[in-house]
Amino acid sequence: MRLKADLTLLFVSMLWGSAFVFQRIVGERGSVYYFNGMRFLLGALILLPFIQKRKTVPQEQWLWMGIAGAILFIASALQQAGIQYTTAGNAGFITSLSVVIVPFVLLVGWRW
């Protein structure tokens, strides 16, 4: 079981890392917004079969979903734009720093 978990982690890491190379190649040839739009559209289409019965979403939740979507849009656009000016390895490293930085940002934000 441990070997299976390690191999799965290795596969996911290779897939995640290779995405930066692909983003760099596509970023040199096209628009930041077009690439991100196609990327998220593909993700939505893949997830579409897994949607269960429609449930009523409270009005307040729509606001927070919109804020989260806007943050995701801005972050993705900035990441894709940044990849055009650096190497894929640097972009992957900087992106992985979010694992360390985000908890501190949340700590400051929640205490504010």
Protein backbone atom coordinates (compact mmCIF):
# COMPACT_ATOMS: atom_id res chain seq x y z
CA MET A 1 0.00 0.00 0.00
CA ARG A 2 2.88 2.38 0.81
CA LEU A 3 4.48 1.73 -2.60
CA LYS A 4 1.19 2.48 -4.35
CA ALA A 5 0.87 5.77 -2.45
CA ASP A 6 4.46 6.75 -3.28
CA LEU A 7 4.04 5.91 -6.97
CA THR A 8 0.79 7.87 -7.11
CA LEU A 9 2.48 10.87 -5.51
CA LEU A 10 5.34 10.61 -8.00
CA PHE A 11 2.90 10.46 -10.94
CA VAL A 12 0.91 13.46 -9.72
CA SER A 13 4.12 15.45 -9.15
CA MET A 14 5.35 14.67 -12.66
CA LEU A 15 1.99 15.62 -14.13
CA TRP A 16 1.85 18.88 -12.14
CA GLY A 17 5.42 19.82 -13.04
CA SER A 18 5.00 19.06 -16.73
CA ALA A 19 1.99 21.38 -16.83
CA PHE A 20 4.34 24.35 -16.37
CA VAL A 21 6.31 23.37 -19.45
CA PHE A 22 3.07 23.14 -21.42
CA GLN A 23 1.87 26.49 -20.04
CA ARG A 24 5.15 28.11 -21.07
CA ILE A 25 4.88 26.79 -24.63
CA VAL A 26 1.24 27.83 -24.99
CA GLY A 27 1.87 31.19 -23.31
CA GLU A 28 4.42 32.13 -25.94
CA ARG A 29 1.93 31.51 -28.72
CA GLY A 30 -1.39 32.74 -27.40
CA SER A 31 -3.37 34.89 -25.04
CA VAL A 32 -3.25 34.46 -21.27
CA TYR A 33 -7.02 34.73 -21.00
CA TYR A 34 -7.76 32.37 -23.89
CA PHE A 35 -5.53 29.64 -22.43
CA ASN A 36 -7.02 29.97 -18.95
CA GLY A 37 -10.53 30.05 -20.37
CA MET A 38 -9.98 26.83 -22.30
CA ARG A 39 -8.28 25.25 -19.29
CA PHE A 40 -11.17 25.98 -16.92
CA LEU A 41 -13.77 25.08 -19.53
CA LEU A 42 -12.13 21.69 -19.98
CA GLY A 43 -12.07 21.21 -16.20
CA ALA A 44 -15.76 22.09 -15.97
CA LEU A 45 -16.66 19.66 -18.75
CA ILE A 46 -14.73 16.87 -17.04
CA LEU A 47 -16.52 17.54 -13.75
CA LEU A 48 -19.97 17.92 -15.32
CA PRO A 49 -20.89 14.19 -15.14
CA PHE A 50 -20.19 14.19 -11.39
CA ILE A 51 -22.74 16.89 -10.55
CA GLN A 52 -25.56 15.54 -8.42
CA LYS A 53 -29.08 16.86 -8.00
CA ARG A 54 -29.38 20.61 -8.05
CA LYS A 55 -29.61 22.08 -4.61
CA THR A 56 -30.63 25.58 -3.66
CA VAL A 57 -27.63 27.79 -2.99
CA PRO A 58 -28.12 30.53 -0.37
CA GLN A 59 -27.77 34.10 -1.67
CA GLU A 60 -24.82 34.85 0.64
CA GLN A 61 -22.92 31.87 -0.72
CA TRP A 62 -23.10 33.27 -4.27
CA LEU A 63 -21.18 36.32 -3.07
CA TRP A 64 -18.38 34.22 -1.59
CA MET A 65 -18.28 31.95 -4.64
CA GLY A 66 -17.91 35.05 -6.82
CA ILE A 67 -15.08 36.39 -4.67
CA ALA A 68 -13.29 33.02 -4.75
CA GLY A 69 -13.77 32.83 -8.52
CA ALA A 70 -12.38 36.33 -9.00
CA ILE A 71 -9.33 35.53 -6.88
CA LEU A 72 -8.77 32.32 -8.84
CA PHE A 73 -9.12 34.22 -12.13
CA ILE A 74 -6.63 36.90 -11.10
CA ALA A 75 -4.15 34.38 -9.71
CA SER A 76 -4.32 32.19 -12.83
CA ALA A 77 -3.94 35.15 -15.18
CA LEU A 78 -0.97 36.51 -13.24
CA GLN A 79 0.66 33.09 -13.12
CA GLN A 80 0.21 32.55 -16.84
CA ALA A 81 1.48 36.05 -17.63
CA GLY A 82 4.47 35.49 -15.36
CA ILE A 83 5.38 32.22 -17.05
CA GLN A 84 5.99 34.19 -20.25
CA TYR A 85 8.88 36.03 -18.54
CA THR A 86 10.63 33.22 -16.64
CA THR A 87 11.47 29.53 -16.95
CA ALA A 88 8.98 26.76 -16.27
CA GLY A 89 11.12 25.60 -13.33
CA ASN A 90 11.06 29.02 -11.69
CA ALA A 91 7.32 29.31 -12.22
CA GLY A 92 6.77 25.92 -10.60
CA PHE A 93 8.97 26.86 -7.66
CA ILE A 94 7.25 30.20 -7.12
CA THR A 95 3.83 28.58 -7.37
CA SER A 96 4.78 25.87 -4.90
CA LEU A 97 5.74 28.59 -2.41
CA SER A 98 2.02 29.29 -2.07
CA VAL A 99 1.82 26.16 0.09
CA VAL A 100 3.98 27.99 2.62
CA ILE A 101 2.76 31.56 2.08
CA VAL A 102 -1.03 31.09 2.01
CA PRO A 103 -1.37 29.95 5.65
CA PHE A 104 0.45 33.11 6.79
CA VAL A 105 -1.73 35.32 4.60
CA LEU A 106 -4.83 33.66 6.05
CA LEU A 107 -3.52 34.10 9.57
CA VAL A 108 -3.04 37.82 9.01
CA GLY A 109 -6.34 38.15 7.17
CA TRP A 110 -8.41 36.39 9.81
CA ARG A 111 -6.88 38.42 12.64
CA TRP A 112 -7.50 41.69 10.82
